[in-house]
Amino acid sequence: MAEGEQTEAVVEQTPMSLRNPGLAAFLAWLVPGAGHWYQGRRAKAIMFAVCVLGTYVYGLVIGDGHVVYASWNRTDFRWQYVCQLGVGLPAMPALVQSRRVMRDKEPLFADVLAPPRQPVYPGEHDHLADWHLELSWRFDLGTLYTMVAGLLNILAVFDAYSGPFIAHAIRAKSIADATRERLAAEATAAAK
């Protein structure tokens, strides 16, 4: 059997039900792996949950809980949080913490996921500078790990929405079959 015929045989034998792709994508964003679990793709769900959450938690731990925070000030605009938010629910407490700190209230959870005390002055000694001095390279590496986890989960969300690559092959095959049938019908009609 030729390689192309083997691929077609695999495509024809692969049933794929993504259930509700929109809901699956939302669940995959909310809790890494949940969208795939909902679709019945259990192995992939466990793989995404372990990889995404493991990377996120590792980054959070080496950054002493200070690397994930939401801050939208001119002097402390935390653009990295946008990537970290890709993890979904695990990054959401940072919004609550940010709101509390901006209203001059004490943060919850012993300062974890809370922004530095305000104001932050770039190039001067402040709460954020203390974190950088205390954590050194771990602050940047923890930030990187949590951002990568968020971006990895965005890929998982896309997979939950559109399905595995084989689903695209099935669609492409059905389009190719329909085109072949149409061209054969046109050729037959032209021959008459």
C-alpha atoms as a PDB file:
ATOM      1  CA  MET A   1       0.000   0.000   0.000  1.00  0.00           C
ATOM      2  CA  ALA A   2       1.402   3.411  -0.970  1.00  0.00           C
ATOM      3  CA  GLU A   3       2.026   6.100   1.642  1.00  0.00           C
ATOM      4  CA  GLY A   4      -0.822   8.308   0.350  1.00  0.00           C
ATOM      5  CA  GLU A   5      -3.241   5.372   0.485  1.00  0.00           C
ATOM      6  CA  GLN A   6      -2.182   4.612   4.085  1.00  0.00           C
ATOM      7  CA  THR A   7      -2.835   8.224   5.079  1.00  0.00           C
ATOM      8  CA  GLU A   8      -6.264   8.137   3.433  1.00  0.00           C
ATOM      9  CA  ALA A   9      -7.062   4.865   5.231  1.00  0.00           C
ATOM     10  CA  VAL A  10      -6.123   6.387   8.603  1.00  0.00           C
ATOM     11  CA  VAL A  11      -8.140   9.531   7.865  1.00  0.00           C
ATOM     12  CA  GLU A  12     -11.191   7.476   6.904  1.00  0.00           C
ATOM     13  CA  GLN A  13     -10.969   5.351  10.084  1.00  0.00           C
ATOM     14  CA  THR A  14     -10.586   8.292  12.513  1.00  0.00           C
ATOM     15  CA  PRO A  15     -13.898   9.401  13.983  1.00  0.00           C
ATOM     16  CA  MET A  16     -13.724  12.851  15.565  1.00  0.00           C
ATOM     17  CA  SER A  17     -16.369  14.486  17.703  1.00  0.00           C
ATOM     18  CA  LEU A  18     -15.336  17.792  19.223  1.00  0.00           C
ATOM     19  CA  ARG A  19     -18.748  18.199  20.892  1.00  0.00           C
ATOM     20  CA  ASN A  20     -19.252  21.944  21.331  1.00  0.00           C
ATOM     21  CA  PRO A  21     -15.915  23.457  20.180  1.00  0.00           C
ATOM     22  CA  GLY A  22     -16.655  26.914  21.625  1.00  0.00           C
ATOM     23  CA  LEU A  23     -17.419  25.528  25.072  1.00  0.00           C
ATOM     24  CA  ALA A  24     -14.416  23.208  24.859  1.00  0.00           C
ATOM     25  CA  ALA A  25     -12.144  26.165  24.032  1.00  0.00           C
ATOM     26  CA  PHE A  26     -13.541  28.205  26.936  1.00  0.00           C
ATOM     27  CA  LEU A  27     -13.079  25.309  29.358  1.00  0.00           C
ATOM     28  CA  ALA A  28      -9.545  24.720  28.030  1.00  0.00           C
ATOM     29  CA  TRP A  29      -8.703  28.351  28.749  1.00  0.00           C
ATOM     30  CA  LEU A  30     -10.418  28.424  32.144  1.00  0.00           C
ATOM     31  CA  VAL A  31      -8.681  25.307  33.493  1.00  0.00           C
ATOM     32  CA  PRO A  32      -5.879  23.817  31.393  1.00  0.00           C
ATOM     33  CA  GLY A  33      -6.969  20.388  30.155  1.00  0.00           C
ATOM     34  CA  ALA A  34     -10.666  20.838  30.995  1.00  0.00           C
ATOM     35  CA  GLY A  35     -11.732  21.404  27.385  1.00  0.00           C
ATOM     36  CA  HIS A  36     -10.060  18.228  26.210  1.00  0.00           C
ATOM     37  CA  TRP A  37     -11.550  16.306  29.141  1.00  0.00           C
ATOM     38  CA  TYR A  38     -14.996  17.588  28.114  1.00  0.00           C
ATOM     39  CA  GLN A  39     -14.354  16.320  24.571  1.00  0.00           C
ATOM     40  CA  GLY A  40     -13.385  12.895  25.875  1.00  0.00           C
ATOM     41  CA  ARG A  41      -9.733  13.278  24.921  1.00  0.00           C
ATOM     42  CA  ARG A  42      -8.536  12.275  28.383  1.00  0.00           C
ATOM     43  CA  ALA A  43      -4.848  11.607  27.645  1.00  0.00           C
ATOM     44  CA  LYS A  44      -4.468  14.999  25.999  1.00  0.00           C
ATOM     45  CA  ALA A  45      -6.339  16.640  28.879  1.00  0.00           C
ATOM     46  CA  ILE A  46      -3.941  15.174  31.426  1.00  0.00           C
ATOM     47  CA  MET A  47      -0.923  16.065  29.292  1.00  0.00           C
ATOM     48  CA  PHE A  48      -2.001  19.714  28.913  1.00  0.00           C
ATOM     49  CA  ALA A  49      -2.967  20.042  32.576  1.00  0.00           C
ATOM     50  CA  VAL A  50       0.352  18.649  33.783  1.00  0.00           C
ATOM     51  CA  CYS A  51       2.489  20.604  31.310  1.00  0.00           C
ATOM     52  CA  VAL A  52       0.719  23.962  31.567  1.00  0.00           C
ATOM     53  CA  LEU A  53      -0.013  23.932  35.287  1.00  0.00           C
ATOM     54  CA  GLY A  54       3.371  22.411  36.121  1.00  0.00           C
ATOM     55  CA  THR A  55       5.199  25.131  34.193  1.00  0.00           C
ATOM     56  CA  TYR A  56       3.005  27.855  35.702  1.00  0.00           C
ATOM     57  CA  VAL A  57       3.360  26.642  39.292  1.00  0.00           C
ATOM     58  CA  TYR A  58       7.112  26.125  38.904  1.00  0.00           C
ATOM     59  CA  GLY A  59       7.521  29.695  37.656  1.00  0.00           C
ATOM     60  CA  LEU A  60       5.334  31.018  40.459  1.00  0.00           C
ATOM     61  CA  VAL A  61       7.318  29.089  43.083  1.00  0.00           C
ATOM     62  CA  ILE A  62      10.778  30.143  41.897  1.00  0.00           C
ATOM     63  CA  GLY A  63       9.491  33.727  41.724  1.00  0.00           C
ATOM     64  CA  ASP A  64       8.231  33.470  45.324  1.00  0.00           C
ATOM     65  CA  GLY A  65       4.673  34.250  44.205  1.00  0.00           C
ATOM     66  CA  HIS A  66       5.600  37.746  43.011  1.00  0.00           C
ATOM     67  CA  VAL A  67       6.058  37.159  39.274  1.00  0.00           C
ATOM     68  CA  VAL A  68       2.359  37.029  38.373  1.00  0.00           C
ATOM     69  CA  TYR A  69       0.582  40.288  39.062  1.00  0.00           C
ATOM     70  CA  ALA A  70      -1.646  42.732  37.246  1.00  0.00           C
ATOM     71  CA  SER A  71      -0.610  46.359  37.166  1.00  0.00           C
ATOM     72  CA  TRP A  72      -1.652  48.919  34.585  1.00  0.00           C
ATOM     73  CA  ASN A  73       0.089  52.053  35.927  1.00  0.00           C
ATOM     74  CA  ARG A  74       2.246  54.262  33.748  1.00  0.00           C
ATOM     75  CA  THR A  75       5.246  53.513  35.947  1.00  0.00           C
ATOM     76  CA  ASP A  76       4.548  49.779  36.339  1.00  0.00           C
ATOM     77  CA  PHE A  77       2.735  48.463  33.282  1.00  0.00           C
ATOM     78  CA  ARG A  78       2.856  44.672  33.598  1.00  0.00           C
ATOM     79  CA  TRP A  79       2.435  43.555  29.964  1.00  0.00           C
ATOM     80  CA  GLN A  80       3.674  40.083  30.938  1.00  0.00           C
ATOM     81  CA  TYR A  81       0.382  39.505  32.744  1.00  0.00           C
ATOM     82  CA  VAL A  82      -1.421  39.399  29.396  1.00  0.00           C
ATOM     83  CA  CYS A  83       0.587  36.278  28.488  1.00  0.00           C
ATOM     84  CA  GLN A  84       0.211  34.829  31.987  1.00  0.00           C
ATOM     85  CA  LEU A  85      -3.553  35.286  31.760  1.00  0.00           C
ATOM     86  CA  GLY A  86      -3.544  32.627  29.047  1.00  0.00           C
ATOM     87  CA  VAL A  87      -3.417  30.090  31.900  1.00  0.00           C
ATOM     88  CA  GLY A  88      -6.973  31.121  32.828  1.00  0.00           C
ATOM     89  CA  LEU A  89      -8.333  30.668  36.332  1.00  0.00           C
ATOM     90  CA  PRO A  90      -4.958  30.189  38.075  1.00  0.00           C
ATOM     91  CA  ALA A  91      -3.942  33.729  37.045  1.00  0.00           C
ATOM     92  CA  MET A  92      -7.266  35.395  37.924  1.00  0.00           C
ATOM     93  CA  PRO A  93      -6.548  36.051  41.626  1.00  0.00           C
ATOM     94  CA  ALA A  94      -3.960  38.583  40.446  1.00  0.00           C
ATOM     95  CA  LEU A  95      -6.855  40.808  39.317  1.00  0.00           C
ATOM     96  CA  VAL A  96      -8.425  40.673  42.769  1.00  0.00           C
ATOM     97  CA  GLN A  97      -5.059  41.347  44.406  1.00  0.00           C
ATOM     98  CA  SER A  98      -4.408  44.277  42.084  1.00  0.00           C
ATOM     99  CA  ARG A  99      -7.767  45.826  42.855  1.00  0.00           C
ATOM    100  CA  ARG A 100      -7.162  45.528  46.599  1.00  0.00           C
ATOM    101  CA  VAL A 101      -3.670  47.047  46.429  1.00  0.00           C
ATOM    102  CA  MET A 102      -4.818  49.922  44.211  1.00  0.00           C
ATOM    103  CA  ARG A 103      -7.493  50.737  46.810  1.00  0.00           C
ATOM    104  CA  ASP A 104      -4.864  50.807  49.580  1.00  0.00           C
ATOM    105  CA  LYS A 105      -6.107  47.569  51.145  1.00  0.00           C
ATOM    106  CA  GLU A 106      -3.922  44.715  52.297  1.00  0.00           C
ATOM    107  CA  PRO A 107      -3.552  41.966  49.684  1.00  0.00           C
ATOM    108  CA  LEU A 108      -4.940  38.526  50.357  1.00  0.00           C
ATOM    109  CA  PHE A 109      -2.945  35.275  50.275  1.00  0.00           C
ATOM    110  CA  ALA A 110       0.136  36.726  51.995  1.00  0.00           C
ATOM    111  CA  ASP A 111       1.129  38.939  49.056  1.00  0.00           C
ATOM    112  CA  VAL A 112       1.057  36.116  46.456  1.00  0.00           C
ATOM    113  CA  LEU A 113      -0.116  37.352  43.015  1.00  0.00           C
ATOM    114  CA  ALA A 114      -0.271  40.922  44.387  1.00  0.00           C
ATOM    115  CA  PRO A 115       1.385  43.860  42.644  1.00  0.00           C
ATOM    116  CA  PRO A 116       4.149  45.742  44.447  1.00  0.00           C
ATOM    117  CA  ARG A 117       3.059  48.480  46.809  1.00  0.00           C
ATOM    118  CA  GLN A 118       2.542  51.697  44.952  1.00  0.00           C
ATOM    119  CA  PRO A 119       3.949  54.005  43.811  1.00  0.00           C
ATOM    120  CA  VAL A 120       6.624  52.335  41.711  1.00  0.00           C
ATOM    121  CA  TYR A 121       9.350  54.626  40.429  1.00  0.00           C
ATOM    122  CA  PRO A 122      11.521  53.169  37.656  1.00  0.00           C
ATOM    123  CA  GLY A 123      15.206  53.321  38.554  1.00  0.00           C
ATOM    124  CA  GLU A 124      14.553  54.052  42.234  1.00  0.00           C
ATOM    125  CA  HIS A 125      14.308  51.944  45.373  1.00  0.00           C
ATOM    126  CA  ASP A 126      10.736  50.743  45.902  1.00  0.00           C
ATOM    127  CA  HIS A 127       8.824  47.519  46.616  1.00  0.00           C
ATOM    128  CA  LEU A 128       9.388  46.154  43.088  1.00  0.00           C
ATOM    129  CA  ALA A 129      13.114  46.896  43.371  1.00  0.00           C
ATOM    130  CA  ASP A 130      13.162  44.932  46.644  1.00  0.00           C
ATOM    131  CA  TRP A 131      11.664  41.923  44.830  1.00  0.00           C
ATOM    132  CA  HIS A 132      14.299  42.144  42.117  1.00  0.00           C
ATOM    133  CA  LEU A 133      17.104  42.399  44.698  1.00  0.00           C
ATOM    134  CA  GLU A 134      15.746  39.547  46.802  1.00  0.00           C
ATOM    135  CA  LEU A 135      14.977  37.157  43.940  1.00  0.00           C
ATOM    136  CA  SER A 136      17.702  38.193  41.488  1.00  0.00           C
ATOM    137  CA  TRP A 137      17.530  36.040  38.305  1.00  0.00           C
ATOM    138  CA  ARG A 138      14.622  34.012  39.722  1.00  0.00           C
ATOM    139  CA  PHE A 139      12.245  36.956  39.198  1.00  0.00           C
ATOM    140  CA  ASP A 140      12.899  37.042  35.467  1.00  0.00           C
ATOM    141  CA  LEU A 141      12.990  33.275  35.060  1.00  0.00           C
ATOM    142  CA  GLY A 142       9.767  32.841  37.048  1.00  0.00           C
ATOM    143  CA  THR A 143       8.125  35.501  34.887  1.00  0.00           C
ATOM    144  CA  LEU A 144       9.296  33.683  31.759  1.00  0.00           C
ATOM    145  CA  TYR A 145       7.997  30.293  32.937  1.00  0.00           C
ATOM    146  CA  THR A 146       4.564  31.682  33.792  1.00  0.00           C
ATOM    147  CA  MET A 147       4.358  33.503  30.459  1.00  0.00           C
ATOM    148  CA  VAL A 148       5.317  30.354  28.551  1.00  0.00           C
ATOM    149  CA  ALA A 149       2.639  28.429  30.456  1.00  0.00           C
ATOM    150  CA  GLY A 150       0.019  30.984  29.402  1.00  0.00           C
ATOM    151  CA  LEU A 151       1.081  30.908  25.767  1.00  0.00           C
ATOM    152  CA  LEU A 152       1.220  27.098  25.774  1.00  0.00           C
ATOM    153  CA  ASN A 153      -2.344  27.031  27.061  1.00  0.00           C
ATOM    154  CA  ILE A 154      -3.438  29.295  24.205  1.00  0.00           C
ATOM    155  CA  LEU A 155      -2.203  26.563  21.841  1.00  0.00           C
ATOM    156  CA  ALA A 156      -4.210  24.036  23.869  1.00  0.00           C
ATOM    157  CA  VAL A 157      -7.301  26.253  23.560  1.00  0.00           C
ATOM    158  CA  PHE A 158      -6.834  26.306  19.791  1.00  0.00           C
ATOM    159  CA  ASP A 159      -6.521  22.501  19.770  1.00  0.00           C
ATOM    160  CA  ALA A 160      -9.712  22.155  21.826  1.00  0.00           C
ATOM    161  CA  TYR A 161     -11.550  24.429  19.400  1.00  0.00           C
ATOM    162  CA  SER A 162     -10.333  23.084  16.085  1.00  0.00           C
ATOM    163  CA  GLY A 163      -9.369  19.554  16.987  1.00  0.00           C
ATOM    164  CA  PRO A 164      -6.218  17.671  16.134  1.00  0.00           C
ATOM    165  CA  PHE A 165      -4.518  17.994  12.781  1.00  0.00           C
ATOM    166  CA  ILE A 166      -6.194  14.787  11.568  1.00  0.00           C
ATOM    167  CA  ALA A 167      -9.554  16.576  11.696  1.00  0.00           C
ATOM    168  CA  HIS A 168      -8.208  19.090   9.182  1.00  0.00           C
ATOM    169  CA  ALA A 169      -7.051  16.218   6.991  1.00  0.00           C
ATOM    170  CA  ILE A 170     -10.561  14.753   7.096  1.00  0.00           C
ATOM    171  CA  ARG A 171     -12.053  18.085   5.999  1.00  0.00           C
ATOM    172  CA  ALA A 172      -9.435  18.489   3.256  1.00  0.00           C
ATOM    173  CA  LYS A 173     -10.114  14.958   2.006  1.00  0.00           C
ATOM    174  CA  SER A 174     -13.866  15.549   1.841  1.00  0.00           C
ATOM    175  CA  ILE A 175     -13.321  18.810  -0.076  1.00  0.00           C
ATOM    176  CA  ALA A 176     -10.931  17.039  -2.474  1.00  0.00           C
ATOM    177  CA  ASP A 177     -13.451  14.207  -2.984  1.00  0.00           C
ATOM    178  CA  ALA A 178     -16.239  16.684  -3.705  1.00  0.00           C
ATOM    179  CA  THR A 179     -14.006  18.554  -6.173  1.00  0.00           C
ATOM    180  CA  ARG A 180     -13.050  15.302  -7.940  1.00  0.00           C
ATOM    181  CA  GLU A 181     -16.719  14.311  -8.255  1.00  0.00           C
ATOM    182  CA  ARG A 182     -17.646  17.752  -9.620  1.00  0.00           C
ATOM    183  CA  LEU A 183     -14.824  17.697 -12.157  1.00  0.00           C
ATOM    184  CA  ALA A 184     -15.754  14.142 -13.253  1.00  0.00           C
ATOM    185  CA  ALA A 185     -19.380  15.202 -13.664  1.00  0.00           C
ATOM    186  CA  GLU A 186     -18.311  18.266 -15.700  1.00  0.00           C
ATOM    187  CA  ALA A 187     -16.034  16.114 -17.875  1.00  0.00           C
ATOM    188  CA  THR A 188     -18.850  13.616 -18.468  1.00  0.00           C
ATOM    189  CA  ALA A 189     -21.260  16.424 -19.335  1.00  0.00           C
ATOM    190  CA  ALA A 190     -18.717  18.006 -21.705  1.00  0.00           C
ATOM    191  CA  ALA A 191     -18.097  14.660 -23.432  1.00  0.00           C
ATOM    192  CA  LYS A 192     -21.794  14.274 -24.304  1.00  0.00           C
END
